[in-house]
C-alpha cells in the first residue's frame, strides 16, 4: 500500500512538473517579417540619430566589430576607428539625412541587409551654408543579430550615383 501511495505521489509531482513546463512561456523566434521590421527600424534610428546630432545613439547602433566602408576612403574597422572617423562630423556639423527609399530588406538567419537611397546635407555648426554632400546616395548595410536578439550594423557601404566633383 505504501508503495502504491508513493508511486501515486511521484506520478502526481511529475504530472505537475510536466504541466508547469508545458505552460511556461516558450521562447519564440521572431518571424522574418518581425526581423525585417527590426532592421528597418535600425536604419530609421540611424537617420534619427544623425538628424538629432546624437552621436552616442548613432554609435550604439553598430556592432563592436562593425566595418564602415565610406567612398574614396579606406574602411573603418571596429567601433574605435568608426568613432575616430565620425565623431568630428557630429561635433562640427549639423547632419541632415533623408532615407528616400528602402529598395530591399532581407533576413537570412542572424544576418540581415537593407539597400536604400538617401540624401545627405551638412551645415557647419560655426555658421555657413548648407552643403549637399550626397544628393543621390545609396547604401548597402548588413546587420547582425546580437546574442541578446538586438540587431546591430555589421557593415555599412555607401556612395553616390554622382561622380565626385573634381576641379
N, C-alpha and C. Protein backbone atom coordinates (compact mmCIF):
# COMPACT_ATOMS: atom_id res chain seq x y z
N UNK A 1 0.82 -1.19 0.00
CA UNK A 1 0.00 0.00 0.00
C UNK A 1 0.87 1.26 0.00
N UNK A 2 1.96 1.23 0.83
CA UNK A 2 2.85 2.38 0.88
C UNK A 2 3.50 2.60 -0.47
N UNK A 3 3.84 1.49 -1.14
CA UNK A 3 4.48 1.61 -2.46
C UNK A 3 3.52 2.23 -3.46
N UNK A 4 2.27 1.88 -3.42
CA UNK A 4 1.26 2.43 -4.33
C UNK A 4 1.06 3.92 -4.04
N UNK A 5 1.00 4.28 -2.74
CA UNK A 5 0.84 5.68 -2.35
C UNK A 5 2.04 6.49 -2.82
N UNK A 6 3.26 5.95 -2.65
CA UNK A 6 4.48 6.62 -3.09
C UNK A 6 4.46 6.81 -4.61
N UNK A 7 4.10 5.78 -5.36
CA UNK A 7 4.05 5.87 -6.82
C UNK A 7 3.03 6.91 -7.27
N UNK A 8 1.91 6.99 -6.58
CA UNK A 8 0.89 8.00 -6.92
C UNK A 8 1.42 9.41 -6.66
N UNK A 9 2.12 9.57 -5.55
CA UNK A 9 2.67 10.90 -5.22
C UNK A 9 3.73 11.30 -6.24
N UNK A 10 4.61 10.38 -6.60
CA UNK A 10 5.64 10.67 -7.59
C UNK A 10 5.00 10.99 -8.93
N UNK A 11 4.01 10.21 -9.31
CA UNK A 11 3.32 10.45 -10.58
C UNK A 11 2.65 11.82 -10.58
N UNK A 12 2.04 12.18 -9.44
CA UNK A 12 1.38 13.47 -9.35
C UNK A 12 2.39 14.62 -9.47
N UNK A 13 3.53 14.50 -8.80
CA UNK A 13 4.58 15.52 -8.88
C UNK A 13 5.10 15.63 -10.31
N UNK A 14 5.34 14.51 -10.95
CA UNK A 14 5.80 14.52 -12.34
C UNK A 14 4.77 15.17 -13.25
N UNK A 15 3.50 14.89 -13.02
CA UNK A 15 2.43 15.49 -13.82
C UNK A 15 2.42 17.00 -13.63
N UNK A 16 2.57 17.45 -12.37
CA UNK A 16 2.62 18.89 -12.10
C UNK A 16 3.81 19.55 -12.80
N UNK A 17 4.97 18.93 -12.71
CA UNK A 17 6.16 19.48 -13.37
C UNK A 17 5.97 19.54 -14.88
N UNK A 18 5.45 18.47 -15.46
CA UNK A 18 5.22 18.45 -16.89
C UNK A 18 4.25 19.56 -17.31
N UNK A 19 3.18 19.73 -16.53
CA UNK A 19 2.19 20.76 -16.83
C UNK A 19 2.81 22.15 -16.69
N UNK A 20 3.60 22.34 -15.64
CA UNK A 20 4.23 23.65 -15.42
C UNK A 20 5.16 24.00 -16.58
N UNK A 21 6.00 23.04 -17.01
CA UNK A 21 6.92 23.32 -18.10
C UNK A 21 6.20 23.47 -19.42
N UNK A 22 5.09 22.76 -19.59
CA UNK A 22 4.33 22.87 -20.83
C UNK A 22 3.64 24.22 -20.94
N UNK A 23 3.23 24.75 -19.80
CA UNK A 23 2.50 26.02 -19.80
C UNK A 23 3.43 27.22 -19.70
N UNK A 24 4.69 26.99 -19.37
CA UNK A 24 5.64 28.09 -19.25
C UNK A 24 5.78 28.79 -20.60
N UNK A 25 6.06 30.08 -20.53
CA UNK A 25 6.22 30.85 -21.76
C UNK A 25 7.36 30.27 -22.59
N UNK A 26 7.05 29.88 -23.78
CA UNK A 26 8.06 29.33 -24.68
C UNK A 26 8.72 30.48 -25.43
N UNK A 27 10.03 30.45 -25.52
CA UNK A 27 10.75 31.44 -26.30
C UNK A 27 10.43 31.21 -27.77
N UNK A 28 9.87 32.22 -28.40
CA UNK A 28 9.55 32.08 -29.82
C UNK A 28 10.53 32.91 -30.61
N UNK A 29 10.97 32.34 -31.69
CA UNK A 29 11.87 33.04 -32.58
C UNK A 29 11.05 34.07 -33.37
N UNK A 30 11.56 35.29 -33.51
CA UNK A 30 10.81 36.29 -34.29
C UNK A 30 10.63 35.80 -35.73
N UNK A 31 9.52 36.21 -36.31
CA UNK A 31 9.27 35.87 -37.71
C UNK A 31 10.19 36.69 -38.61
N UNK A 32 10.30 36.28 -39.84
CA UNK A 32 11.11 37.03 -40.82
C UNK A 32 10.57 38.45 -40.94
N UNK A 33 9.26 38.59 -40.94
CA UNK A 33 8.65 39.92 -41.04
C UNK A 33 9.03 40.79 -39.85
N UNK A 34 9.05 40.20 -38.65
CA UNK A 34 9.46 40.95 -37.46
C UNK A 34 10.93 41.33 -37.53
N UNK A 35 11.77 40.43 -38.03
CA UNK A 35 13.19 40.74 -38.18
C UNK A 35 13.41 41.84 -39.21
N UNK A 36 12.68 41.79 -40.32
CA UNK A 36 12.80 42.84 -41.34
C UNK A 36 12.37 44.18 -40.76
N UNK A 37 11.28 44.18 -40.02
CA UNK A 37 10.83 45.42 -39.37
C UNK A 37 11.90 45.93 -38.40
N UNK A 38 12.57 45.02 -37.70
CA UNK A 38 13.60 45.42 -36.74
C UNK A 38 14.81 46.05 -37.43
N UNK A 39 15.26 45.47 -38.56
CA UNK A 39 16.42 46.06 -39.22
C UNK A 39 16.04 47.38 -39.90
N UNK A 40 14.81 47.48 -40.39
CA UNK A 40 14.36 48.77 -40.94
C UNK A 40 14.32 49.83 -39.85
N UNK A 41 13.98 49.43 -38.63
CA UNK A 41 13.96 50.38 -37.52
C UNK A 41 15.38 50.82 -37.16
N UNK A 42 16.36 49.92 -37.25
CA UNK A 42 17.75 50.33 -37.02
C UNK A 42 18.14 51.38 -38.06
N UNK A 43 17.78 51.15 -39.32
CA UNK A 43 18.06 52.12 -40.38
C UNK A 43 17.38 53.45 -40.07
N UNK A 44 16.14 53.40 -39.61
CA UNK A 44 15.41 54.62 -39.24
C UNK A 44 16.12 55.34 -38.10
N UNK A 45 16.55 54.59 -37.08
CA UNK A 45 17.24 55.20 -35.93
C UNK A 45 18.59 55.79 -36.33
N UNK A 46 19.22 55.21 -37.33
CA UNK A 46 20.47 55.77 -37.90
C UNK A 46 20.20 57.20 -38.37
N UNK A 47 19.13 57.36 -39.14
CA UNK A 47 18.77 58.70 -39.62
C UNK A 47 18.37 59.64 -38.50
N UNK A 48 17.58 59.15 -37.56
CA UNK A 48 17.15 59.97 -36.43
C UNK A 48 18.37 60.46 -35.64
N UNK A 49 19.30 59.55 -35.35
CA UNK A 49 20.49 59.93 -34.58
C UNK A 49 21.32 60.98 -35.33
N UNK A 50 21.50 60.79 -36.63
CA UNK A 50 22.24 61.79 -37.42
C UNK A 50 21.54 63.14 -37.37
N UNK A 51 20.25 63.13 -37.63
CA UNK A 51 19.49 64.39 -37.70
C UNK A 51 19.40 65.09 -36.36
N UNK A 52 19.47 64.34 -35.26
CA UNK A 52 19.44 64.93 -33.92
C UNK A 52 20.83 65.25 -33.39
N UNK A 53 21.87 64.91 -34.17
CA UNK A 53 23.23 65.14 -33.71
C UNK A 53 23.60 64.28 -32.51
N UNK A 54 22.94 63.13 -32.38
CA UNK A 54 23.14 62.27 -31.22
C UNK A 54 24.15 61.17 -31.56
N UNK A 55 25.42 61.50 -31.36
CA UNK A 55 26.48 60.56 -31.70
C UNK A 55 26.41 59.28 -30.87
N UNK A 56 26.09 59.41 -29.59
CA UNK A 56 26.02 58.22 -28.73
C UNK A 56 24.95 57.24 -29.22
N UNK A 57 23.80 57.78 -29.60
CA UNK A 57 22.75 56.91 -30.14
C UNK A 57 23.24 56.28 -31.45
N UNK A 58 23.85 57.08 -32.31
CA UNK A 58 24.30 56.59 -33.61
C UNK A 58 25.32 55.47 -33.46
N UNK A 59 26.32 55.65 -32.62
CA UNK A 59 27.37 54.63 -32.48
C UNK A 59 26.82 53.39 -31.77
N UNK A 60 25.77 53.54 -30.97
CA UNK A 60 25.19 52.38 -30.29
C UNK A 60 24.52 51.42 -31.26
N UNK A 61 24.25 51.88 -32.47
CA UNK A 61 23.62 51.03 -33.49
C UNK A 61 24.61 50.07 -34.14
N UNK A 62 25.90 50.27 -33.88
CA UNK A 62 26.96 49.47 -34.50
C UNK A 62 27.37 48.30 -33.62
N UNK A 63 27.71 47.18 -34.25
CA UNK A 63 28.31 46.07 -33.51
C UNK A 63 29.74 46.48 -33.16
N UNK A 64 30.30 45.86 -32.15
CA UNK A 64 31.65 46.21 -31.71
C UNK A 64 32.69 46.04 -32.81
N UNK A 65 32.49 45.08 -33.69
CA UNK A 65 33.45 44.83 -34.77
C UNK A 65 32.91 45.29 -36.12
N UNK A 66 32.00 46.27 -36.10
CA UNK A 66 31.42 46.79 -37.33
C UNK A 66 32.48 47.37 -38.27
N UNK A 67 32.14 47.38 -39.55
CA UNK A 67 33.05 47.94 -40.56
C UNK A 67 32.26 48.95 -41.39
N UNK A 68 32.78 50.17 -41.43
CA UNK A 68 32.20 51.23 -42.24
C UNK A 68 33.06 51.39 -43.50
N UNK A 69 32.40 51.41 -44.66
CA UNK A 69 33.13 51.49 -45.92
C UNK A 69 32.69 52.74 -46.69
N UNK A 70 33.26 53.90 -46.32
CA UNK A 70 32.88 55.15 -46.97
C UNK A 70 33.54 55.27 -48.35
N UNK A 71 32.97 56.12 -49.20
CA UNK A 71 33.56 56.31 -50.53
C UNK A 71 34.94 56.98 -50.44
N UNK A 72 35.81 56.61 -51.35
CA UNK A 72 37.12 57.25 -51.50
C UNK A 72 37.92 57.27 -50.21
N UNK A 73 37.79 56.21 -49.42
CA UNK A 73 38.47 56.16 -48.13
C UNK A 73 38.63 54.70 -47.71
N UNK A 74 39.70 54.39 -46.99
CA UNK A 74 39.85 53.01 -46.50
C UNK A 74 38.73 52.66 -45.52
N UNK A 75 38.43 51.39 -45.37
CA UNK A 75 37.39 51.00 -44.42
C UNK A 75 37.80 51.33 -42.98
N UNK A 76 36.80 51.62 -42.18
CA UNK A 76 36.98 51.85 -40.74
C UNK A 76 36.56 50.56 -40.05
N UNK A 77 37.50 49.91 -39.39
CA UNK A 77 37.26 48.58 -38.81
C UNK A 77 37.14 48.67 -37.29
N UNK A 78 35.98 48.33 -36.79
CA UNK A 78 35.73 48.34 -35.36
C UNK A 78 35.23 49.69 -34.89
N UNK A 79 34.58 49.68 -33.74
CA UNK A 79 33.97 50.91 -33.22
C UNK A 79 34.99 52.02 -32.98
N UNK A 80 36.19 51.67 -32.53
CA UNK A 80 37.19 52.71 -32.23
C UNK A 80 37.53 53.50 -33.49
N UNK A 81 37.75 52.83 -34.61
CA UNK A 81 38.07 53.53 -35.86
C UNK A 81 36.86 54.31 -36.38
N UNK A 82 35.68 53.74 -36.22
CA UNK A 82 34.46 54.44 -36.66
C UNK A 82 34.26 55.71 -35.83
N UNK A 83 34.49 55.60 -34.54
CA UNK A 83 34.38 56.78 -33.66
C UNK A 83 35.38 57.85 -34.09
N UNK A 84 36.64 57.45 -34.28
CA UNK A 84 37.67 58.42 -34.69
C UNK A 84 37.30 59.12 -36.00
N UNK A 85 36.70 58.37 -36.91
CA UNK A 85 36.36 58.94 -38.22
C UNK A 85 35.10 59.80 -38.18
N UNK A 86 34.12 59.41 -37.38
CA UNK A 86 32.81 60.06 -37.46
C UNK A 86 32.52 61.09 -36.37
N UNK A 87 33.14 60.98 -35.22
CA UNK A 87 32.84 61.92 -34.13
C UNK A 87 33.08 63.36 -34.54
N UNK A 88 34.16 63.69 -35.27
CA UNK A 88 34.35 65.08 -35.70
C UNK A 88 33.19 65.59 -36.57
N UNK A 89 32.61 64.75 -37.41
CA UNK A 89 31.48 65.20 -38.23
C UNK A 89 30.30 65.59 -37.36
N UNK A 90 30.01 64.79 -36.35
CA UNK A 90 28.91 65.10 -35.44
C UNK A 90 29.23 66.35 -34.62
N UNK A 91 30.51 66.52 -34.24
CA UNK A 91 30.90 67.67 -33.42
C UNK A 91 30.87 68.97 -34.21
N UNK A 92 31.23 68.93 -35.49
CA UNK A 92 31.42 70.14 -36.27
C UNK A 92 30.27 70.48 -37.22
N UNK A 93 29.39 69.51 -37.47
CA UNK A 93 28.34 69.72 -38.48
C UNK A 93 26.97 69.33 -37.95
N UNK A 94 25.97 70.01 -38.49
CA UNK A 94 24.60 69.53 -38.36
C UNK A 94 24.38 68.62 -39.55
N UNK A 95 23.98 67.40 -39.29
CA UNK A 95 23.75 66.43 -40.36
C UNK A 95 22.27 66.36 -40.67
N UNK A 96 21.97 66.23 -41.93
CA UNK A 96 20.58 66.10 -42.36
C UNK A 96 20.51 64.97 -43.39
N UNK A 97 20.08 63.80 -42.92
CA UNK A 97 19.99 62.65 -43.81
C UNK A 97 18.52 62.30 -43.99
N UNK A 98 18.16 62.01 -45.21
CA UNK A 98 16.80 61.58 -45.52
C UNK A 98 16.89 60.27 -46.28
N UNK A 99 16.32 59.23 -45.72
CA UNK A 99 16.23 57.95 -46.42
C UNK A 99 15.07 58.11 -47.41
N UNK A 100 15.40 58.17 -48.69
CA UNK A 100 14.37 58.41 -49.69
C UNK A 100 13.64 57.14 -50.10
N UNK A 101 14.30 55.99 -49.98
CA UNK A 101 13.62 54.72 -50.27
C UNK A 101 14.44 53.58 -49.70
N UNK A 102 13.74 52.53 -49.31
CA UNK A 102 14.37 51.27 -48.93
C UNK A 102 14.02 50.31 -50.06
N UNK A 103 15.01 50.02 -50.89
CA UNK A 103 14.79 49.19 -52.07
C UNK A 103 14.67 47.71 -51.72
N UNK A 104 15.43 47.29 -50.70
CA UNK A 104 15.39 45.89 -50.27
C UNK A 104 15.64 45.82 -48.79
N UNK A 105 15.01 44.85 -48.16
CA UNK A 105 15.28 44.50 -46.77
C UNK A 105 15.08 42.99 -46.69
N UNK A 106 16.15 42.29 -46.31
CA UNK A 106 16.11 40.83 -46.28
C UNK A 106 16.78 40.33 -45.01
N UNK A 107 16.38 39.14 -44.59
CA UNK A 107 16.97 38.50 -43.42
C UNK A 107 17.30 37.06 -43.79
N UNK A 108 18.51 36.66 -43.40
CA UNK A 108 18.98 35.30 -43.59
C UNK A 108 19.50 34.80 -42.24
N UNK A 109 18.63 34.21 -41.45
CA UNK A 109 19.04 33.75 -40.13
C UNK A 109 19.40 34.91 -39.23
N UNK A 110 20.66 34.97 -38.80
CA UNK A 110 21.12 36.04 -37.92
C UNK A 110 21.77 37.19 -38.66
N UNK A 111 21.66 37.20 -39.99
CA UNK A 111 22.16 38.29 -40.80
C UNK A 111 21.02 38.92 -41.57
N UNK A 112 21.08 40.22 -41.73
CA UNK A 112 20.07 40.93 -42.50
C UNK A 112 20.73 42.02 -43.30
N UNK A 113 19.99 42.55 -44.28
CA UNK A 113 20.53 43.64 -45.08
C UNK A 113 19.44 44.59 -45.48
N UNK A 114 19.84 45.84 -45.69
CA UNK A 114 19.00 46.83 -46.33
C UNK A 114 19.80 47.47 -47.45
N UNK A 115 19.10 47.76 -48.53
CA UNK A 115 19.66 48.54 -49.63
C UNK A 115 18.74 49.74 -49.78
N UNK A 116 19.33 50.92 -49.60
CA UNK A 116 18.49 52.12 -49.59
C UNK A 116 19.12 53.25 -50.41
N UNK A 117 18.31 54.26 -50.64
CA UNK A 117 18.75 55.51 -51.26
C UNK A 117 18.52 56.62 -50.25
N UNK A 118 19.38 57.63 -50.30
CA UNK A 118 19.28 58.70 -49.32
C UNK A 118 19.88 59.98 -49.88
N UNK A 119 19.59 61.07 -49.18
CA UNK A 119 20.27 62.34 -49.43
C UNK A 119 20.95 62.73 -48.12
N UNK A 120 22.07 63.43 -48.25
CA UNK A 120 22.80 63.89 -47.07
C UNK A 120 23.28 65.31 -47.30
N UNK A 121 22.92 66.17 -46.34
CA UNK A 121 23.40 67.55 -46.35
C UNK A 121 24.04 67.84 -45.00
N UNK A 122 25.01 68.74 -44.99
CA UNK A 122 25.66 69.14 -43.75
C UNK A 122 25.70 70.67 -43.69
N UNK A 123 25.63 71.18 -42.48
CA UNK A 123 25.75 72.62 -42.26
C UNK A 123 26.76 72.80 -41.13
N UNK A 124 27.81 73.60 -41.35
CA UNK A 124 28.79 73.82 -40.28
C UNK A 124 28.13 74.44 -39.04
N UNK A 125 28.46 73.93 -37.88
CA UNK A 125 27.89 74.45 -36.64
C UNK A 125 28.37 75.86 -36.34
N UNK A 126 29.56 76.22 -36.85
CA UNK A 126 30.09 77.57 -36.61
C UNK A 126 29.52 78.57 -37.60
N UNK A 127 28.62 78.13 -38.44
CA UNK A 127 27.98 79.02 -39.41
C UNK A 127 28.43 78.70 -40.82
N UNK A 128 27.59 79.00 -41.73
CA UNK A 128 27.88 78.74 -43.13
C UNK A 128 26.68 78.11 -43.82
N UNK A 129 26.83 77.97 -45.11
CA UNK A 129 25.74 77.43 -45.91
C UNK A 129 25.65 75.92 -45.80
N UNK A 130 24.45 75.44 -46.03
CA UNK A 130 24.23 74.00 -46.11
C UNK A 130 24.92 73.48 -47.35
N UNK A 131 25.59 72.35 -47.21
CA UNK A 131 26.29 71.70 -48.33
C UNK A 131 25.62 70.36 -48.56
N UNK A 132 25.14 70.15 -49.78
CA UNK A 132 24.56 68.85 -50.11
C UNK A 132 25.70 67.93 -50.49
N UNK A 133 25.99 67.00 -49.61
CA UNK A 133 27.13 66.11 -49.78
C UNK A 133 26.79 64.95 -50.70
N UNK A 134 25.61 64.40 -50.52
CA UNK A 134 25.16 63.27 -51.34
C UNK A 134 23.73 63.54 -51.78
N UNK A 135 23.56 64.08 -52.98
CA UNK A 135 22.20 64.33 -53.45
C UNK A 135 21.48 63.04 -53.84
N UNK A 136 22.25 62.00 -54.11
CA UNK A 136 21.65 60.73 -54.53
C UNK A 136 22.50 59.56 -54.02
N UNK A 137 22.63 59.50 -52.70
CA UNK A 137 23.43 58.45 -52.07
C UNK A 137 22.72 57.11 -52.11
N UNK A 138 23.52 56.07 -52.00
CA UNK A 138 22.98 54.71 -51.90
C UNK A 138 23.82 53.96 -50.88
N UNK A 139 23.18 53.03 -50.19
CA UNK A 139 23.89 52.28 -49.14
C UNK A 139 23.43 50.84 -49.12
N UNK A 140 24.38 49.98 -48.85
CA UNK A 140 24.11 48.57 -48.58
C UNK A 140 24.62 48.33 -47.16
N UNK A 141 23.70 48.01 -46.28
CA UNK A 141 24.03 47.85 -44.87
C UNK A 141 23.68 46.43 -44.44
N UNK A 142 24.65 45.77 -43.81
CA UNK A 142 24.44 44.43 -43.28
C UNK A 142 24.32 44.52 -41.77
N UNK A 143 23.37 43.76 -41.25
CA UNK A 143 23.08 43.76 -39.82
C UNK A 143 23.34 42.36 -39.28
N UNK A 144 23.71 42.31 -38.00
CA UNK A 144 23.95 41.03 -37.35
C UNK A 144 23.15 40.99 -36.05
N UNK A 145 22.39 39.90 -35.89
CA UNK A 145 21.64 39.75 -34.64
C UNK A 145 22.64 39.44 -33.53
N UNK A 146 22.57 40.20 -32.45
CA UNK A 146 23.45 40.02 -31.31
C UNK A 146 22.90 38.90 -30.42
N UNK A 147 23.72 38.38 -29.51
CA UNK A 147 23.24 37.30 -28.63
C UNK A 147 21.97 37.66 -27.85
N UNK A 148 21.76 38.96 -27.58
CA UNK A 148 20.55 39.37 -26.85
C UNK A 148 19.35 39.56 -27.77
N UNK A 149 19.53 39.28 -29.09
CA UNK A 149 18.43 39.39 -30.04
C UNK A 149 18.35 40.73 -30.75
N UNK A 150 19.12 41.71 -30.31
CA UNK A 150 19.10 43.05 -30.91
C UNK A 150 19.90 43.02 -32.21
N UNK A 151 19.41 43.73 -33.22
CA UNK A 151 20.12 43.85 -34.49
C UNK A 151 21.05 45.06 -34.43
N UNK A 152 22.28 44.88 -34.91
CA UNK A 152 23.25 45.98 -34.98
C UNK A 152 23.92 45.97 -36.34
N UNK A 153 24.44 47.12 -36.72
CA UNK A 153 25.12 47.27 -38.00
C UNK A 153 26.45 46.55 -37.94
N UNK A 154 26.67 45.66 -38.91
CA UNK A 154 27.93 44.93 -39.00
C UNK A 154 28.80 45.53 -40.11
N UNK A 155 28.19 45.91 -41.23
CA UNK A 155 28.89 46.52 -42.36
C UNK A 155 28.00 47.62 -42.93
N UNK A 156 28.61 48.73 -43.30
CA UNK A 156 27.87 49.80 -43.96
C UNK A 156 28.74 50.32 -45.09
N UNK A 157 28.27 50.09 -46.30
CA UNK A 157 28.97 50.52 -47.51
C UNK A 157 28.08 51.53 -48.22
N UNK A 158 28.61 52.70 -48.49
CA UNK A 158 27.76 53.75 -49.09
C UNK A 158 28.57 54.59 -50.05
N UNK A 159 27.87 55.14 -51.04
CA UNK A 159 28.49 56.04 -52.01
C UNK A 159 27.38 56.77 -52.76
N UNK A 160 27.76 57.46 -53.81
CA UNK A 160 26.82 58.29 -54.55
C UNK A 160 26.75 57.84 -56.00
N UNK A 161 25.61 58.06 -56.61
CA UNK A 161 25.47 57.79 -58.05
C UNK A 161 26.15 58.88 -58.88
N UNK A 162 26.43 60.01 -58.24
CA UNK A 162 27.07 61.13 -58.91
C UNK A 162 28.57 61.07 -58.67
N UNK A 163 29.39 61.12 -59.74
CA UNK A 163 30.84 61.11 -59.51
C UNK A 163 31.26 62.35 -58.72
N UNK A 164 32.36 62.24 -57.98
CA UNK A 164 32.83 63.39 -57.21
C UNK A 164 33.18 64.55 -58.15
N UNK A 165 32.92 65.75 -57.66
CA UNK A 165 33.22 66.95 -58.42
C UNK A 165 34.70 67.28 -58.22
N UNK A 166 35.50 67.01 -59.22
CA UNK A 166 36.95 67.24 -59.14
C UNK A 166 37.27 68.47 -59.98
N UNK A 167 37.85 69.46 -59.35
CA UNK A 167 38.20 70.69 -60.09
C UNK A 167 39.68 70.88 -60.13
